[in-house]
N, C-alpha and C. Protein backbone atom coordinates (compact mmCIF):
# COMPACT_ATOMS: atom_id res chain seq x y z
N UNK A 1 140.47 193.26 157.63
CA UNK A 1 140.08 192.48 156.42
C UNK A 1 138.53 192.49 156.48
N UNK A 2 138.07 192.30 155.41
CA UNK A 2 136.65 192.31 155.28
C UNK A 2 135.89 190.86 155.16
N UNK A 3 136.88 190.02 155.29
CA UNK A 3 136.50 188.47 155.32
C UNK A 3 137.04 187.87 156.44
N UNK A 4 136.37 186.74 156.96
CA UNK A 4 136.89 186.23 158.13
C UNK A 4 138.03 185.13 157.69
N UNK A 5 138.07 184.73 156.48
CA UNK A 5 138.96 183.91 156.00
C UNK A 5 139.55 184.05 154.69
N UNK A 6 140.70 183.59 154.48
CA UNK A 6 141.33 183.53 153.09
C UNK A 6 141.67 182.02 153.00
N UNK A 7 141.00 181.30 152.12
CA UNK A 7 140.91 180.05 151.90
C UNK A 7 140.67 179.29 153.29
N UNK A 8 141.55 178.75 154.00
CA UNK A 8 141.40 177.99 155.32
C UNK A 8 141.95 178.64 156.38
N UNK A 9 142.71 179.81 156.09
CA UNK A 9 143.30 180.65 157.22
C UNK A 9 142.37 181.71 157.68
N UNK A 10 142.25 181.83 158.97
CA UNK A 10 141.62 182.92 159.64
C UNK A 10 142.30 184.42 159.50
N UNK A 11 141.75 185.09 159.05
CA UNK A 11 142.44 186.49 158.61
C UNK A 11 142.86 187.15 160.00
N UNK A 12 142.12 186.81 161.14
CA UNK A 12 142.80 187.45 162.50
C UNK A 12 144.21 186.83 162.79
N UNK A 13 144.45 185.77 162.07
CA UNK A 13 145.76 185.21 162.42
C UNK A 13 147.05 186.12 161.79
N UNK A 14 146.80 186.70 160.81
CA UNK A 14 147.81 187.65 160.17
C UNK A 14 148.36 188.54 161.30
N UNK A 15 147.49 189.30 161.88
CA UNK A 15 147.88 190.21 162.99
C UNK A 15 148.63 189.39 164.12
N UNK A 16 148.16 188.46 164.41
CA UNK A 16 148.67 187.50 165.50
C UNK A 16 150.24 187.22 164.87
N UNK A 17 150.31 186.74 163.74
CA UNK A 17 151.59 186.23 163.32
C UNK A 17 152.56 187.39 163.32
N UNK A 18 152.19 188.62 162.71
CA UNK A 18 153.27 189.68 162.71
C UNK A 18 153.52 190.36 164.07
N UNK A 19 152.61 190.13 164.93
CA UNK A 19 152.86 190.63 166.49
C UNK A 19 153.72 189.57 167.07
N UNK A 20 153.68 188.44 166.88
CA UNK A 20 154.62 187.37 167.43
C UNK A 20 156.04 187.41 166.75
N UNK A 21 156.01 187.73 165.46
CA UNK A 21 157.35 187.81 164.76
C UNK A 21 158.15 189.24 165.23
N UNK A 22 157.37 190.27 165.47
CA UNK A 22 157.99 191.38 165.95
C UNK A 22 158.34 191.20 167.24
N UNK A 23 157.75 190.71 168.10
CA UNK A 23 158.06 190.30 169.46
C UNK A 23 159.38 189.47 169.65
N UNK A 24 159.34 188.36 168.92
CA UNK A 24 160.19 187.42 169.00
C UNK A 24 161.78 187.99 168.41
N UNK A 25 161.57 188.88 167.17
CA UNK A 25 162.58 189.38 166.56
C UNK A 25 163.14 190.57 167.33
N UNK A 26 162.39 190.98 168.34
CA UNK A 26 162.69 192.33 169.00
C UNK A 26 162.93 193.49 168.29
N UNK A 27 161.87 193.79 167.34
CA UNK A 27 161.84 194.84 166.50
C UNK A 27 160.51 195.58 166.57
N UNK A 28 160.72 196.93 166.25
CA UNK A 28 159.46 197.73 166.13
C UNK A 28 158.83 197.56 164.62
N UNK A 29 157.59 197.19 164.30
CA UNK A 29 157.12 196.83 163.19
C UNK A 29 155.79 197.38 163.11
N UNK A 30 155.59 198.34 162.25
CA UNK A 30 154.41 199.15 161.77
C UNK A 30 154.01 198.61 160.33
N UNK A 31 152.74 198.03 160.19
CA UNK A 31 152.21 197.82 158.83
C UNK A 31 150.98 198.40 158.69
N UNK A 32 150.89 199.30 157.57
CA UNK A 32 149.65 199.84 157.27
C UNK A 32 149.19 199.72 155.79
N UNK A 33 148.22 199.07 155.49
CA UNK A 33 147.79 199.01 154.15
C UNK A 33 146.93 200.14 153.81
N UNK A 34 147.24 200.77 152.73
CA UNK A 34 146.79 201.92 152.16
C UNK A 34 145.46 201.76 151.45
N UNK A 35 145.57 200.74 150.70
CA UNK A 35 144.31 200.49 149.69
C UNK A 35 144.30 199.10 149.32
N UNK A 36 143.06 198.73 148.62
CA UNK A 36 143.03 197.18 148.09
C UNK A 36 141.71 196.79 148.49
N UNK A 37 141.21 195.81 147.52
CA UNK A 37 139.82 195.27 147.88
C UNK A 37 139.93 193.70 148.01
N UNK A 38 140.95 193.01 147.11
CA UNK A 38 141.07 191.93 147.29
C UNK A 38 141.87 191.23 148.30
N UNK A 39 141.15 190.58 149.45
CA UNK A 39 141.75 190.10 150.70
C UNK A 39 142.81 189.35 150.50
N UNK A 40 143.14 188.43 149.40
CA UNK A 40 144.12 187.60 149.24
C UNK A 40 145.35 188.42 148.91
N UNK A 41 145.26 189.38 148.11
CA UNK A 41 146.45 190.27 147.47
C UNK A 41 146.60 191.17 148.69
N UNK A 42 145.76 191.64 149.46
CA UNK A 42 146.28 192.51 150.75
C UNK A 42 147.03 191.75 151.73
N UNK A 43 146.70 190.51 151.90
CA UNK A 43 147.62 189.67 152.80
C UNK A 43 148.92 189.24 152.27
N UNK A 44 148.98 189.10 150.95
CA UNK A 44 150.03 188.95 150.28
C UNK A 44 151.11 189.96 150.23
N UNK A 45 150.56 191.32 150.17
CA UNK A 45 151.34 192.32 150.30
C UNK A 45 151.96 192.77 151.61
N UNK A 46 151.39 192.16 152.86
CA UNK A 46 151.62 192.14 154.03
C UNK A 46 153.27 191.60 154.05
N UNK A 47 153.27 190.34 153.73
CA UNK A 47 154.34 189.68 153.78
C UNK A 47 155.55 190.05 152.98
N UNK A 48 155.06 190.48 151.60
CA UNK A 48 156.12 191.14 150.64
C UNK A 48 156.88 192.29 151.20
N UNK A 49 156.11 193.27 151.91
CA UNK A 49 156.54 194.50 152.34
C UNK A 49 157.50 194.29 153.40
N UNK A 50 157.04 193.43 154.28
CA UNK A 50 158.02 193.08 155.44
C UNK A 50 159.34 192.40 155.04
N UNK A 51 159.27 191.61 154.03
CA UNK A 51 160.44 190.99 153.48
C UNK A 51 161.36 192.25 152.93
N UNK A 52 160.59 192.93 152.20
CA UNK A 52 161.62 194.06 151.44
C UNK A 52 162.05 194.97 152.65
N UNK A 53 161.33 195.36 153.64
CA UNK A 53 161.89 196.08 154.57
C UNK A 53 163.14 195.52 155.49
N UNK A 54 162.85 194.17 155.72
CA UNK A 54 163.99 193.45 156.36
C UNK A 54 165.24 193.26 155.53
N UNK A 55 165.01 193.02 154.32
CA UNK A 55 166.22 193.20 153.44
C UNK A 55 166.99 194.40 153.50
N UNK A 56 166.21 195.57 153.31
CA UNK A 56 166.92 196.94 153.29
C UNK A 56 167.37 197.11 154.70
N UNK A 57 166.86 196.66 155.80
CA UNK A 57 167.33 197.00 157.01
C UNK A 57 168.52 196.19 157.23
N UNK A 58 168.92 195.14 156.77
CA UNK A 58 169.87 194.32 157.07
C UNK A 58 170.94 194.44 156.05
N UNK A 59 170.85 194.90 154.79
CA UNK A 59 171.90 195.04 153.82
C UNK A 59 172.96 196.00 154.30
N UNK A 60 174.32 195.66 153.90
CA UNK A 60 175.38 196.54 154.23
C UNK A 60 175.27 197.76 153.30
N UNK A 61 175.50 198.95 153.87
CA UNK A 61 175.43 200.16 153.08
C UNK A 61 176.66 200.26 152.33
N UNK A 62 176.81 200.37 151.12
CA UNK A 62 178.12 200.50 150.33
C UNK A 62 178.71 201.98 150.73
N UNK A 63 178.15 202.94 151.25
CA UNK A 63 178.62 204.30 151.58
C UNK A 63 179.28 204.21 152.83
N UNK A 64 178.93 203.09 153.69
CA UNK A 64 179.55 203.10 155.20
C UNK A 64 180.49 201.87 155.19
N UNK A 65 181.58 201.56 154.29
CA UNK A 65 182.27 200.54 154.27
C UNK A 65 182.96 200.30 155.73
N UNK A 66 183.06 199.16 156.25
CA UNK A 66 183.71 198.82 157.49
C UNK A 66 183.00 199.49 158.75
N UNK A 67 181.84 199.81 158.54
CA UNK A 67 181.11 200.40 159.62
C UNK A 67 179.83 199.26 160.24
N UNK A 68 179.57 199.30 161.32
CA UNK A 68 178.57 198.43 161.96
C UNK A 68 177.12 199.00 161.14
N UNK A 69 176.41 198.28 160.67
CA UNK A 69 175.05 198.65 160.15
C UNK A 69 173.99 198.75 161.11
N UNK A 70 174.19 199.94 162.07
CA UNK A 70 173.30 200.35 163.00
C UNK A 70 173.32 201.89 163.13
N UNK A 71 172.31 202.42 163.56
CA UNK A 71 172.15 203.80 163.94
C UNK A 71 172.71 204.03 165.15
N UNK A 72 173.11 203.13 166.07
CA UNK A 72 173.54 203.29 167.48
C UNK A 72 175.00 202.70 167.44
N UNK A 73 175.48 202.34 166.39
CA UNK A 73 176.74 201.95 166.34
C UNK A 73 177.07 200.47 166.89
N UNK A 74 176.21 199.61 167.39
CA UNK A 74 176.57 198.34 167.86
C UNK A 74 175.28 197.43 167.45
N UNK A 75 175.63 196.27 167.30
CA UNK A 75 174.56 195.25 167.21
C UNK A 75 174.63 194.36 168.29
N UNK A 76 174.07 194.52 169.39
CA UNK A 76 173.96 193.55 170.58
C UNK A 76 172.46 193.26 170.95
N UNK A 77 172.25 192.31 171.70
CA UNK A 77 171.05 191.80 172.18
C UNK A 77 170.59 192.68 173.47
């Protein structure tokens, strides 16, 4: 980010939030912003893209009826 704050929120907290989210969800999460100049819109896209990816990752695949939605064949902790 090219600014220290968006409104009242420190921009360094976005990285901390997504790091904590990934660690607690026990997922690998890579986020890369390719372009943009408006700091507010860049931050907004971070949340939107993570939401879209999580939805895609957790939706049942209609091509795989009655199968566990996992590349490893199991959903365990």
